[in-house]
């Protein structure tokens, strides 16, 4: 199979990555993002900002951890 490129580290991007890995652990996958790539629910961002919480407080995993866990770059 050809290498796969996913654009965006939002919920859809990381969900797609996880689903690909359930079916195929060998095909190279690269995830491209304009932000730091931390995994958090982006829809919760507006609520966090409204209550004075920083976006970083929402992150449940760094981009590096997600890449390592899912064998991606």
PDB file of N, CA and C in Angstrom:
ATOM      1  N   UNK A   1       0.848  -1.177   0.000  1.00  0.00           N
ATOM      2  CA  UNK A   1       0.000   0.000   0.000  1.00  0.00           C
ATOM      3  C   UNK A   1       0.892   1.239   0.000  1.00  0.00           C
ATOM      4  N   UNK A   2       0.412   2.312  -0.594  1.00  0.00           N
ATOM      5  CA  UNK A   2       1.150   3.567  -0.641  1.00  0.00           C
ATOM      6  C   UNK A   2       1.099   4.265   0.711  1.00  0.00           C
ATOM      7  N   UNK A   3       2.105   5.090   1.019  1.00  0.00           N
ATOM      8  CA  UNK A   3       2.065   5.870   2.260  1.00  0.00           C
ATOM      9  C   UNK A   3       0.811   6.742   2.308  1.00  0.00           C
ATOM     10  N   UNK A   4       0.331   6.999   3.509  1.00  0.00           N
ATOM     11  CA  UNK A   4      -0.888   7.784   3.713  1.00  0.00           C
ATOM     12  C   UNK A   4      -0.519   9.094   4.387  1.00  0.00           C
ATOM     13  N   UNK A   5      -1.108  10.197   3.917  1.00  0.00           N
ATOM     14  CA  UNK A   5      -0.925  11.507   4.531  1.00  0.00           C
ATOM     15  C   UNK A   5      -2.283  11.988   5.024  1.00  0.00           C
ATOM     16  N   UNK A   6      -2.349  12.339   6.298  1.00  0.00           N
ATOM     17  CA  UNK A   6      -3.563  12.893   6.901  1.00  0.00           C
ATOM     18  C   UNK A   6      -3.284  14.359   7.189  1.00  0.00           C
ATOM     19  N   UNK A   7      -4.176  15.233   6.755  1.00  0.00           N
ATOM     20  CA  UNK A   7      -4.017  16.664   7.006  1.00  0.00           C
ATOM     21  C   UNK A   7      -4.956  17.065   8.131  1.00  0.00           C
ATOM     22  N   UNK A   8      -4.365  17.504   9.237  1.00  0.00           N
ATOM     23  CA  UNK A   8      -5.141  17.972  10.381  1.00  0.00           C
ATOM     24  C   UNK A   8      -5.046  17.042  11.573  1.00  0.00           C
ATOM     25  N   UNK A   9      -4.822  17.639  12.749  1.00  0.00           N
ATOM     26  CA  UNK A   9      -4.695  16.851  13.977  1.00  0.00           C
ATOM     27  C   UNK A   9      -5.914  16.999  14.874  1.00  0.00           C
ATOM     28  N   UNK A  10      -7.035  17.306  14.262  1.00  0.00           N
ATOM     29  CA  UNK A  10      -8.274  17.374  15.034  1.00  0.00           C
ATOM     30  C   UNK A  10      -8.810  15.980  15.309  1.00  0.00           C
ATOM     31  N   UNK A  11      -9.986  15.938  15.872  1.00  0.00           N
ATOM     32  CA  UNK A  11     -10.600  14.654  16.211  1.00  0.00           C
ATOM     33  C   UNK A  11     -10.724  13.753  14.980  1.00  0.00           C
ATOM     34  N   UNK A  12     -11.106  14.320  13.851  1.00  0.00           N
ATOM     35  CA  UNK A  12     -11.252  13.514  12.631  1.00  0.00           C
ATOM     36  C   UNK A  12      -9.910  12.942  12.180  1.00  0.00           C
ATOM     37  N   UNK A  13      -8.862  13.751  12.215  1.00  0.00           N
ATOM     38  CA  UNK A  13      -7.543  13.285  11.794  1.00  0.00           C
ATOM     39  C   UNK A  13      -7.025  12.155  12.659  1.00  0.00           C
ATOM     40  N   UNK A  14      -7.110  12.334  13.982  1.00  0.00           N
ATOM     41  CA  UNK A  14      -6.625  11.288  14.884  1.00  0.00           C
ATOM     42  C   UNK A  14      -7.531  10.055  14.874  1.00  0.00           C
ATOM     43  N   UNK A  15      -8.828  10.239  14.683  1.00  0.00           N
ATOM     44  CA  UNK A  15      -9.724   9.083  14.584  1.00  0.00           C
ATOM     45  C   UNK A  15      -9.402   8.279  13.328  1.00  0.00           C
ATOM     46  N   UNK A  16      -9.171   8.977  12.215  1.00  0.00           N
ATOM     47  CA  UNK A  16      -8.786   8.286  10.985  1.00  0.00           C
ATOM     48  C   UNK A  16      -7.485   7.513  11.193  1.00  0.00           C
ATOM     49  N   UNK A  17      -6.508   8.136  11.819  1.00  0.00           N
ATOM     50  CA  UNK A  17      -5.239   7.463  12.091  1.00  0.00           C
ATOM     51  C   UNK A  17      -5.452   6.196  12.920  1.00  0.00           C
ATOM     52  N   UNK A  18      -6.242   6.287  13.966  1.00  0.00           N
ATOM     53  CA  UNK A  18      -6.501   5.117  14.817  1.00  0.00           C
ATOM     54  C   UNK A  18      -7.215   4.006  14.048  1.00  0.00           C
ATOM     55  N   UNK A  19      -8.173   4.381  13.203  1.00  0.00           N
ATOM     56  CA  UNK A  19      -8.899   3.377  12.415  1.00  0.00           C
ATOM     57  C   UNK A  19      -7.983   2.709  11.389  1.00  0.00           C
ATOM     58  N   UNK A  20      -7.104   3.490  10.774  1.00  0.00           N
ATOM     59  CA  UNK A  20      -6.136   2.902   9.839  1.00  0.00           C
ATOM     60  C   UNK A  20      -5.265   1.890  10.572  1.00  0.00           C
ATOM     61  N   UNK A  21      -4.797   2.261  11.747  1.00  0.00           N
ATOM     62  CA  UNK A  21      -3.906   1.381  12.509  1.00  0.00           C
ATOM     63  C   UNK A  21      -4.600   0.120  13.005  1.00  0.00           C
ATOM     64  N   UNK A  22      -5.901   0.159  13.201  1.00  0.00           N
ATOM     65  CA  UNK A  22      -6.628  -1.059  13.578  1.00  0.00           C
ATOM     66  C   UNK A  22      -6.556  -2.096  12.465  1.00  0.00           C
ATOM     67  N   UNK A  23      -6.479  -1.618  11.228  1.00  0.00           N
ATOM     68  CA  UNK A  23      -6.520  -2.502  10.074  1.00  0.00           C
ATOM     69  C   UNK A  23      -5.150  -2.765   9.454  1.00  0.00           C
ATOM     70  N   UNK A  24      -4.216  -1.833   9.678  1.00  0.00           N
ATOM     71  CA  UNK A  24      -2.920  -1.916   9.000  1.00  0.00           C
ATOM     72  C   UNK A  24      -1.865  -1.239   9.876  1.00  0.00           C
ATOM     73  N   UNK A  25      -0.937  -2.024  10.384  1.00  0.00           N
ATOM     74  CA  UNK A  25       0.093  -1.463  11.259  1.00  0.00           C
ATOM     75  C   UNK A  25       1.395  -1.161  10.527  1.00  0.00           C
ATOM     76  N   UNK A  26       1.478  -1.517   9.252  1.00  0.00           N
ATOM     77  CA  UNK A  26       2.744  -1.395   8.531  1.00  0.00           C
ATOM     78  C   UNK A  26       2.829  -0.211   7.577  1.00  0.00           C
ATOM     79  N   UNK A  27       1.726   0.204   6.983  1.00  0.00           N
ATOM     80  CA  UNK A  27       1.762   1.285   6.007  1.00  0.00           C
ATOM     81  C   UNK A  27       2.194   2.586   6.680  1.00  0.00           C
ATOM     82  N   UNK A  28       3.173   3.297   6.100  1.00  0.00           N
ATOM     83  CA  UNK A  28       3.592   4.572   6.681  1.00  0.00           C
ATOM     84  C   UNK A  28       2.451   5.595   6.660  1.00  0.00           C
ATOM     85  N   UNK A  29       2.257   6.263   7.792  1.00  0.00           N
ATOM     86  CA  UNK A  29       1.236   7.305   7.900  1.00  0.00           C
ATOM     87  C   UNK A  29       1.903   8.558   8.451  1.00  0.00           C
ATOM     88  N   UNK A  30       1.669   9.681   7.774  1.00  0.00           N
ATOM     89  CA  UNK A  30       2.157  10.980   8.230  1.00  0.00           C
ATOM     90  C   UNK A  30       0.963  11.872   8.478  1.00  0.00           C
ATOM     91  N   UNK A  31       0.946  12.519   9.630  1.00  0.00           N
ATOM     92  CA  UNK A  31      -0.118  13.458   9.977  1.00  0.00           C
ATOM     93  C   UNK A  31       0.484  14.855   9.960  1.00  0.00           C
ATOM     94  N   UNK A  32      -0.111  15.753   9.184  1.00  0.00           N
ATOM     95  CA  UNK A  32       0.383  17.124   9.045  1.00  0.00           C
ATOM     96  C   UNK A  32      -0.589  18.066   9.733  1.00  0.00           C
ATOM     97  N   UNK A  33      -0.042  18.997  10.516  1.00  0.00           N
ATOM     98  CA  UNK A  33      -0.887  19.949  11.226  1.00  0.00           C
ATOM     99  C   UNK A  33      -0.208  21.307  11.313  1.00  0.00           C
ATOM    100  N   UNK A  34      -1.005  22.352  11.392  1.00  0.00           N
ATOM    101  CA  UNK A  34      -0.467  23.703  11.539  1.00  0.00           C
ATOM    102  C   UNK A  34      -0.250  24.060  13.004  1.00  0.00           C
ATOM    103  N   UNK A  35      -0.880  23.303  13.915  1.00  0.00           N
ATOM    104  CA  UNK A  35      -0.708  23.601  15.340  1.00  0.00           C
ATOM    105  C   UNK A  35       0.292  22.630  15.962  1.00  0.00           C
ATOM    106  N   UNK A  36       0.329  22.548  17.273  1.00  0.00           N
ATOM    107  CA  UNK A  36       1.326  21.691  17.932  1.00  0.00           C
ATOM    108  C   UNK A  36       0.981  20.210  17.884  1.00  0.00           C
ATOM    109  N   UNK A  37      -0.194  19.865  17.397  1.00  0.00           N
ATOM    110  CA  UNK A  37      -0.571  18.466  17.233  1.00  0.00           C
ATOM    111  C   UNK A  37      -1.039  17.762  18.486  1.00  0.00           C
ATOM    112  N   UNK A  38      -1.163  18.493  19.586  1.00  0.00           N
ATOM    113  CA  UNK A  38      -1.640  17.870  20.827  1.00  0.00           C
ATOM    114  C   UNK A  38      -3.053  17.338  20.617  1.00  0.00           C
ATOM    115  N   UNK A  39      -3.345  16.210  21.268  1.00  0.00           N
ATOM    116  CA  UNK A  39      -4.669  15.603  21.129  1.00  0.00           C
ATOM    117  C   UNK A  39      -5.598  16.139  22.208  1.00  0.00           C
ATOM    118  N   UNK A  40      -6.631  16.812  21.779  1.00  0.00           N
ATOM    119  CA  UNK A  40      -7.689  17.269  22.678  1.00  0.00           C
ATOM    120  C   UNK A  40      -8.938  17.488  21.853  1.00  0.00           C
ATOM    121  N   UNK A  41     -10.055  17.525  22.511  1.00  0.00           N
ATOM    122  CA  UNK A  41     -11.318  17.740  21.816  1.00  0.00           C
ATOM    123  C   UNK A  41     -11.416  19.209  21.425  1.00  0.00           C
ATOM    124  N   UNK A  42     -11.210  19.500  20.159  1.00  0.00           N
ATOM    125  CA  UNK A  42     -11.229  20.885  19.687  1.00  0.00           C
ATOM    126  C   UNK A  42     -12.569  21.576  19.966  1.00  0.00           C
ATOM    127  N   UNK A  43     -13.707  20.863  19.887  1.00  0.00           N
ATOM    128  CA  UNK A  43     -14.973  21.532  20.214  1.00  0.00           C
ATOM    129  C   UNK A  43     -15.024  22.063  21.649  1.00  0.00           C
ATOM    130  N   UNK A  44     -14.265  21.472  22.563  1.00  0.00           N
ATOM    131  CA  UNK A  44     -14.243  21.956  23.947  1.00  0.00           C
ATOM    132  C   UNK A  44     -13.408  23.214  24.115  1.00  0.00           C
ATOM    133  N   UNK A  45     -12.702  23.631  23.076  1.00  0.00           N
ATOM    134  CA  UNK A  45     -11.830  24.794  23.167  1.00  0.00           C
ATOM    135  C   UNK A  45     -12.596  26.064  23.521  1.00  0.00           C
ATOM    136  N   UNK A  46     -13.742  26.286  22.893  1.00  0.00           N
ATOM    137  CA  UNK A  46     -14.500  27.511  23.187  1.00  0.00           C
ATOM    138  C   UNK A  46     -14.964  27.541  24.637  1.00  0.00           C
ATOM    139  N   UNK A  47     -15.381  26.402  25.174  1.00  0.00           N
ATOM    140  CA  UNK A  47     -15.787  26.348  26.583  1.00  0.00           C
ATOM    141  C   UNK A  47     -14.601  26.615  27.506  1.00  0.00           C
ATOM    142  N   UNK A  48     -13.456  26.068  27.171  1.00  0.00           N
ATOM    143  CA  UNK A  48     -12.262  26.277  27.997  1.00  0.00           C
ATOM    144  C   UNK A  48     -11.874  27.747  28.018  1.00  0.00           C
ATOM    145  N   UNK A  49     -11.878  28.364  26.854  1.00  0.00           N
ATOM    146  CA  UNK A  49     -11.512  29.776  26.789  1.00  0.00           C
ATOM    147  C   UNK A  49     -12.519  30.647  27.528  1.00  0.00           C
ATOM    148  N   UNK A  50     -13.790  30.285  27.461  1.00  0.00           N
ATOM    149  CA  UNK A  50     -14.830  31.057  28.154  1.00  0.00           C
ATOM    150  C   UNK A  50     -14.674  30.988  29.667  1.00  0.00           C
ATOM    151  N   UNK A  51     -14.094  29.911  30.158  1.00  0.00           N
ATOM    152  CA  UNK A  51     -13.914  29.762  31.605  1.00  0.00           C
ATOM    153  C   UNK A  51     -12.493  30.086  32.052  1.00  0.00           C
ATOM    154  N   UNK A  52     -11.687  30.626  31.141  1.00  0.00           N
ATOM    155  CA  UNK A  52     -10.345  31.058  31.493  1.00  0.00           C
ATOM    156  C   UNK A  52      -9.288  29.973  31.501  1.00  0.00           C
ATOM    157  N   UNK A  53      -9.612  28.794  30.999  1.00  0.00           N
ATOM    158  CA  UNK A  53      -8.625  27.710  30.928  1.00  0.00           C
ATOM    159  C   UNK A  53      -7.827  27.826  29.637  1.00  0.00           C
ATOM    160  N   UNK A  54      -6.579  27.469  29.697  1.00  0.00           N
ATOM    161  CA  UNK A  54      -5.727  27.492  28.512  1.00  0.00           C
ATOM    162  C   UNK A  54      -5.986  26.250  27.663  1.00  0.00           C
ATOM    163  N   UNK A  55      -5.786  26.389  26.364  1.00  0.00           N
ATOM    164  CA  UNK A  55      -5.975  25.255  25.456  1.00  0.00           C
ATOM    165  C   UNK A  55      -5.071  24.091  25.848  1.00  0.00           C
ATOM    166  N   UNK A  56      -3.875  24.393  26.320  1.00  0.00           N
ATOM    167  CA  UNK A  56      -2.931  23.340  26.704  1.00  0.00           C
ATOM    168  C   UNK A  56      -3.479  22.465  27.831  1.00  0.00           C
ATOM    169  N   UNK A  57      -4.354  23.018  28.654  1.00  0.00           N
ATOM    170  CA  UNK A  57      -4.931  22.246  29.761  1.00  0.00           C
ATOM    171  C   UNK A  57      -5.879  21.155  29.264  1.00  0.00           C
ATOM    172  N   UNK A  58      -6.349  21.277  28.037  1.00  0.00           N
ATOM    173  CA  UNK A  58      -7.269  20.291  27.469  1.00  0.00           C
ATOM    174  C   UNK A  58      -6.546  19.065  26.906  1.00  0.00           C
ATOM    175  N   UNK A  59      -5.272  19.211  26.616  1.00  0.00           N
ATOM    176  CA  UNK A  59      -4.525  18.151  25.932  1.00  0.00           C
ATOM    177  C   UNK A  59      -4.432  16.889  26.782  1.00  0.00           C
ATOM    178  N   UNK A  60      -4.787  15.773  26.164  1.00  0.00           N
ATOM    179  CA  UNK A  60      -4.660  14.489  26.850  1.00  0.00           C
ATOM    180  C   UNK A  60      -3.428  13.722  26.373  1.00  0.00           C
ATOM    181  N   UNK A  61      -2.831  14.176  25.255  1.00  0.00           N
ATOM    182  CA  UNK A  61      -1.609  13.544  24.745  1.00  0.00           C
ATOM    183  C   UNK A  61      -0.895  14.512  23.810  1.00  0.00           C
ATOM    184  N   UNK A  62       0.424  14.508  23.866  1.00  0.00           N
ATOM    185  CA  UNK A  62       1.213  15.342  22.960  1.00  0.00           C
ATOM    186  C   UNK A  62       1.248  14.703  21.572  1.00  0.00           C
ATOM    187  N   UNK A  63       1.672  15.489  20.591  1.00  0.00           N
ATOM    188  CA  UNK A  63       1.807  14.955  19.236  1.00  0.00           C
ATOM    189  C   UNK A  63       2.813  13.807  19.214  1.00  0.00           C
ATOM    190  N   UNK A  64       3.888  13.948  19.967  1.00  0.00           N
ATOM    191  CA  UNK A  64       4.896  12.887  20.018  1.00  0.00           C
ATOM    192  C   UNK A  64       4.351  11.585  20.574  1.00  0.00           C
ATOM    193  N   UNK A  65       3.551  11.682  21.627  1.00  0.00           N
ATOM    194  CA  UNK A  65       2.953  10.481  22.219  1.00  0.00           C
ATOM    195  C   UNK A  65       1.971   9.848  21.246  1.00  0.00           C
ATOM    196  N   UNK A  66       1.154  10.666  20.597  1.00  0.00           N
ATOM    197  CA  UNK A  66       0.198  10.123  19.628  1.00  0.00           C
ATOM    198  C   UNK A  66       0.937   9.433  18.485  1.00  0.00           C
ATOM    199  N   UNK A  67       2.005  10.056  17.996  1.00  0.00           N
ATOM    200  CA  UNK A  67       2.776   9.458  16.901  1.00  0.00           C
ATOM    201  C   UNK A  67       3.382   8.123  17.331  1.00  0.00           C
ATOM    202  N   UNK A  68       3.949   8.096  18.521  1.00  0.00           N
ATOM    203  CA  UNK A  68       4.555   6.855  19.012  1.00  0.00           C
ATOM    204  C   UNK A  68       3.506   5.767  19.229  1.00  0.00           C
ATOM    205  N   UNK A  69       2.386   6.137  19.826  1.00  0.00           N
ATOM    206  CA  UNK A  69       1.326   5.159  20.101  1.00  0.00           C
ATOM    207  C   UNK A  69       0.730   4.574  18.825  1.00  0.00           C
ATOM    208  N   UNK A  70       0.682   5.388  17.759  1.00  0.00           N
ATOM    209  CA  UNK A  70       0.030   4.957  16.523  1.00  0.00           C
ATOM    210  C   UNK A  70       1.022   4.636  15.401  1.00  0.00           C
ATOM    211  N   UNK A  71       2.314   4.601  15.712  1.00  0.00           N
ATOM    212  CA  UNK A  71       3.336   4.310  14.713  1.00  0.00           C
ATOM    213  C   UNK A  71       3.185   5.216  13.495  1.00  0.00           C
ATOM    214  N   UNK A  72       3.195   6.518  13.747  1.00  0.00           N
ATOM    215  CA  UNK A  72       3.036   7.510  12.684  1.00  0.00           C
ATOM    216  C   UNK A  72       4.108   8.581  12.835  1.00  0.00           C
ATOM    217  N   UNK A  73       4.209   9.418  11.814  1.00  0.00           N
ATOM    218  CA  UNK A  73       5.135  10.552  11.884  1.00  0.00           C
ATOM    219  C   UNK A  73       4.382  11.844  11.703  1.00  0.00           C
TER     220      UNK A  73
END
